[in-house]
Amino acid sequence: MKGRYTFTAHIEKDSETGLYIGYIPSLPGAHSQGETLDELHKNLEEVAALCLEELADIDLDRIQSEFVGTQQVMVNI
């Protein structure tokens, strides 16, 4: 299980609090927030390490994904 893992985090900024909120879609439970992008990055690294420690070796293959891109969707209602 030891090794280096690379994940893609999705990051948004909360308009009410001004905090950056990030989560790693392929790693259940890996979400955090921070006042700056640097703080968020550090927090996501920590939470990802904790989540990885909780996974069984067999689950590690399931969490790896390939980042493809992002899309904005506009909806008129």
N, C-alpha and C. Protein backbone atom coordinates (compact mmCIF):
# COMPACT_ATOMS: atom_id res chain seq x y z
N MET A 1 0.81 -1.19 0.00
CA MET A 1 0.00 0.00 0.00
C MET A 1 0.86 1.26 0.00
N LYS A 2 2.07 1.17 0.47
CA LYS A 2 2.95 2.33 0.46
C LYS A 2 3.25 2.70 -0.99
N GLY A 3 3.36 3.97 -1.22
CA GLY A 3 3.66 4.43 -2.57
C GLY A 3 3.19 5.85 -2.76
N ARG A 4 3.25 6.29 -3.97
CA ARG A 4 2.83 7.65 -4.30
C ARG A 4 1.56 7.57 -5.14
N TYR A 5 0.59 8.35 -4.77
CA TYR A 5 -0.68 8.37 -5.47
C TYR A 5 -0.95 9.81 -5.92
N THR A 6 -1.51 9.94 -7.10
CA THR A 6 -1.86 11.25 -7.63
C THR A 6 -3.36 11.29 -7.86
N PHE A 7 -3.99 12.33 -7.35
CA PHE A 7 -5.43 12.50 -7.50
C PHE A 7 -5.73 13.87 -8.07
N THR A 8 -6.88 13.99 -8.69
CA THR A 8 -7.37 15.27 -9.16
C THR A 8 -8.47 15.73 -8.21
N ALA A 9 -8.31 16.92 -7.67
CA ALA A 9 -9.30 17.48 -6.75
C ALA A 9 -10.15 18.50 -7.49
N HIS A 10 -11.40 18.55 -7.16
CA HIS A 10 -12.31 19.56 -7.67
C HIS A 10 -12.40 20.66 -6.62
N ILE A 11 -12.24 21.90 -7.05
CA ILE A 11 -12.19 23.02 -6.12
C ILE A 11 -13.20 24.08 -6.53
N GLU A 12 -13.92 24.56 -5.54
CA GLU A 12 -14.87 25.65 -5.73
C GLU A 12 -14.67 26.66 -4.61
N LYS A 13 -15.16 27.87 -4.81
CA LYS A 13 -15.09 28.88 -3.77
C LYS A 13 -16.50 29.19 -3.30
N ASP A 14 -16.71 29.07 -1.99
CA ASP A 14 -18.02 29.33 -1.41
C ASP A 14 -18.26 30.84 -1.37
N SER A 15 -19.32 31.28 -2.01
CA SER A 15 -19.59 32.72 -2.11
C SER A 15 -20.00 33.32 -0.76
N GLU A 16 -20.54 32.52 0.13
CA GLU A 16 -20.96 33.05 1.44
C GLU A 16 -19.79 33.16 2.42
N THR A 17 -18.94 32.13 2.47
CA THR A 17 -17.86 32.11 3.46
C THR A 17 -16.53 32.59 2.89
N GLY A 18 -16.39 32.54 1.56
CA GLY A 18 -15.12 32.89 0.92
C GLY A 18 -14.09 31.79 1.01
N LEU A 19 -14.46 30.64 1.57
CA LEU A 19 -13.53 29.52 1.70
C LEU A 19 -13.45 28.72 0.40
N TYR A 20 -12.27 28.17 0.15
CA TYR A 20 -12.10 27.23 -0.95
C TYR A 20 -12.50 25.85 -0.43
N ILE A 21 -13.29 25.15 -1.21
CA ILE A 21 -13.76 23.82 -0.84
C ILE A 21 -13.29 22.85 -1.91
N GLY A 22 -12.67 21.76 -1.48
CA GLY A 22 -12.15 20.80 -2.43
C GLY A 22 -12.52 19.38 -2.05
N TYR A 23 -12.66 18.56 -3.08
CA TYR A 23 -12.90 17.13 -2.83
C TYR A 23 -12.25 16.32 -3.94
N ILE A 24 -11.95 15.08 -3.60
CA ILE A 24 -11.35 14.15 -4.55
C ILE A 24 -12.41 13.10 -4.88
N PRO A 25 -13.03 13.19 -6.05
CA PRO A 25 -14.15 12.32 -6.38
C PRO A 25 -13.84 10.82 -6.29
N SER A 26 -12.63 10.43 -6.65
CA SER A 26 -12.32 9.00 -6.67
C SER A 26 -11.90 8.44 -5.32
N LEU A 27 -11.84 9.29 -4.29
CA LEU A 27 -11.41 8.84 -2.97
C LEU A 27 -12.49 9.19 -1.95
N PRO A 28 -13.35 8.23 -1.62
CA PRO A 28 -14.46 8.49 -0.71
C PRO A 28 -13.99 9.12 0.61
N GLY A 29 -14.66 10.19 1.00
CA GLY A 29 -14.35 10.87 2.25
C GLY A 29 -13.29 11.94 2.16
N ALA A 30 -12.67 12.09 1.00
CA ALA A 30 -11.58 13.05 0.85
C ALA A 30 -12.13 14.41 0.43
N HIS A 31 -12.43 15.23 1.42
CA HIS A 31 -12.90 16.59 1.17
C HIS A 31 -12.41 17.48 2.29
N SER A 32 -12.20 18.75 1.97
CA SER A 32 -11.70 19.68 2.96
C SER A 32 -11.97 21.11 2.50
N GLN A 33 -11.50 22.06 3.30
CA GLN A 33 -11.64 23.47 2.95
C GLN A 33 -10.44 24.24 3.46
N GLY A 34 -10.28 25.45 2.96
CA GLY A 34 -9.18 26.30 3.40
C GLY A 34 -9.41 27.74 3.01
N GLU A 35 -8.77 28.64 3.74
CA GLU A 35 -8.91 30.06 3.44
C GLU A 35 -8.13 30.46 2.20
N THR A 36 -7.07 29.72 1.87
CA THR A 36 -6.27 29.97 0.67
C THR A 36 -6.15 28.66 -0.10
N LEU A 37 -5.74 28.76 -1.36
CA LEU A 37 -5.53 27.55 -2.15
C LEU A 37 -4.39 26.71 -1.57
N ASP A 38 -3.36 27.36 -1.05
CA ASP A 38 -2.25 26.62 -0.44
C ASP A 38 -2.71 25.86 0.80
N GLU A 39 -3.53 26.50 1.63
CA GLU A 39 -4.06 25.83 2.81
C GLU A 39 -4.96 24.66 2.42
N LEU A 40 -5.80 24.87 1.41
CA LEU A 40 -6.67 23.79 0.94
C LEU A 40 -5.83 22.63 0.43
N HIS A 41 -4.78 22.91 -0.34
CA HIS A 41 -3.92 21.86 -0.88
C HIS A 41 -3.32 21.02 0.26
N LYS A 42 -2.80 21.68 1.26
CA LYS A 42 -2.22 20.98 2.42
C LYS A 42 -3.28 20.12 3.11
N ASN A 43 -4.46 20.69 3.32
CA ASN A 43 -5.54 19.97 3.98
C ASN A 43 -5.98 18.75 3.17
N LEU A 44 -6.04 18.90 1.83
CA LEU A 44 -6.43 17.76 0.99
C LEU A 44 -5.37 16.67 1.01
N GLU A 45 -4.10 17.05 1.05
CA GLU A 45 -3.04 16.04 1.16
C GLU A 45 -3.20 15.24 2.44
N GLU A 46 -3.48 15.92 3.54
CA GLU A 46 -3.64 15.25 4.83
C GLU A 46 -4.84 14.32 4.84
N VAL A 47 -5.97 14.80 4.34
CA VAL A 47 -7.17 13.97 4.37
C VAL A 47 -7.04 12.80 3.40
N ALA A 48 -6.37 12.99 2.26
CA ALA A 48 -6.16 11.90 1.31
C ALA A 48 -5.30 10.81 1.94
N ALA A 49 -4.26 11.21 2.67
CA ALA A 49 -3.41 10.22 3.34
C ALA A 49 -4.21 9.43 4.37
N LEU A 50 -5.06 10.11 5.12
CA LEU A 50 -5.90 9.41 6.10
C LEU A 50 -6.87 8.44 5.43
N CYS A 51 -7.47 8.88 4.33
CA CYS A 51 -8.40 8.01 3.60
C CYS A 51 -7.69 6.79 3.03
N LEU A 52 -6.48 6.99 2.51
CA LEU A 52 -5.72 5.87 1.96
C LEU A 52 -5.36 4.85 3.03
N GLU A 53 -5.05 5.32 4.23
CA GLU A 53 -4.73 4.40 5.32
C GLU A 53 -5.90 3.50 5.67
N GLU A 54 -7.12 3.98 5.45
CA GLU A 54 -8.31 3.23 5.79
C GLU A 54 -8.70 2.19 4.72
N LEU A 55 -8.13 2.33 3.52
CA LEU A 55 -8.50 1.42 2.43
C LEU A 55 -7.71 0.12 2.51
N ALA A 56 -8.36 -0.95 2.14
CA ALA A 56 -7.67 -2.22 1.99
C ALA A 56 -6.88 -2.20 0.69
N ASP A 57 -5.82 -2.99 0.61
CA ASP A 57 -4.99 -3.01 -0.60
C ASP A 57 -5.81 -3.30 -1.85
N ILE A 58 -6.81 -4.14 -1.74
CA ILE A 58 -7.61 -4.51 -2.91
C ILE A 58 -8.38 -3.31 -3.46
N ASP A 59 -8.70 -2.34 -2.61
CA ASP A 59 -9.47 -1.17 -3.04
C ASP A 59 -8.62 -0.12 -3.75
N LEU A 60 -7.31 -0.21 -3.65
CA LEU A 60 -6.46 0.83 -4.22
C LEU A 60 -6.59 0.93 -5.74
N ASP A 61 -6.79 -0.19 -6.42
CA ASP A 61 -6.97 -0.15 -7.87
C ASP A 61 -8.25 0.57 -8.25
N ARG A 62 -9.24 0.54 -7.41
CA ARG A 62 -10.54 1.15 -7.72
C ARG A 62 -10.53 2.66 -7.60
N ILE A 63 -9.59 3.22 -6.85
CA ILE A 63 -9.61 4.66 -6.61
C ILE A 63 -8.86 5.46 -7.66
N GLN A 64 -8.05 4.81 -8.46
CA GLN A 64 -7.29 5.52 -9.48
C GLN A 64 -8.20 5.87 -10.65
N SER A 65 -8.13 7.13 -11.07
CA SER A 65 -8.92 7.58 -12.21
C SER A 65 -8.08 8.53 -13.04
N GLU A 66 -8.55 8.79 -14.23
CA GLU A 66 -7.84 9.67 -15.15
C GLU A 66 -8.64 10.95 -15.34
N PHE A 67 -8.00 12.09 -15.09
CA PHE A 67 -8.67 13.38 -15.28
C PHE A 67 -8.86 13.63 -16.76
N VAL A 68 -10.06 13.98 -17.14
CA VAL A 68 -10.38 14.24 -18.54
C VAL A 68 -10.58 15.73 -18.79
N GLY A 69 -11.30 16.40 -17.94
CA GLY A 69 -11.54 17.82 -18.12
C GLY A 69 -12.72 18.29 -17.30
N THR A 70 -13.07 19.53 -17.49
CA THR A 70 -14.22 20.08 -16.79
C THR A 70 -15.17 20.68 -17.80
N GLN A 71 -16.40 20.83 -17.39
CA GLN A 71 -17.40 21.46 -18.22
C GLN A 71 -18.28 22.34 -17.34
N GLN A 72 -18.63 23.50 -17.84
CA GLN A 72 -19.61 24.32 -17.16
C GLN A 72 -20.94 24.10 -17.86
N VAL A 73 -21.96 23.95 -17.08
CA VAL A 73 -23.30 23.72 -17.61
C VAL A 73 -24.18 24.89 -17.20
N MET A 74 -24.73 25.59 -18.17
CA MET A 74 -25.62 26.71 -17.89
C MET A 74 -27.05 26.27 -18.15
N VAL A 75 -27.93 26.58 -17.21
CA VAL A 75 -29.32 26.18 -17.31
C VAL A 75 -30.20 27.42 -17.13
N ASN A 76 -31.09 27.64 -18.06
CA ASN A 76 -32.06 28.73 -17.94
C ASN A 76 -33.36 28.15 -17.40
N ILE A 77 -33.87 28.77 -16.33
CA ILE A 77 -35.16 28.30 -15.79
C ILE A 77 -36.10 29.46 -15.63
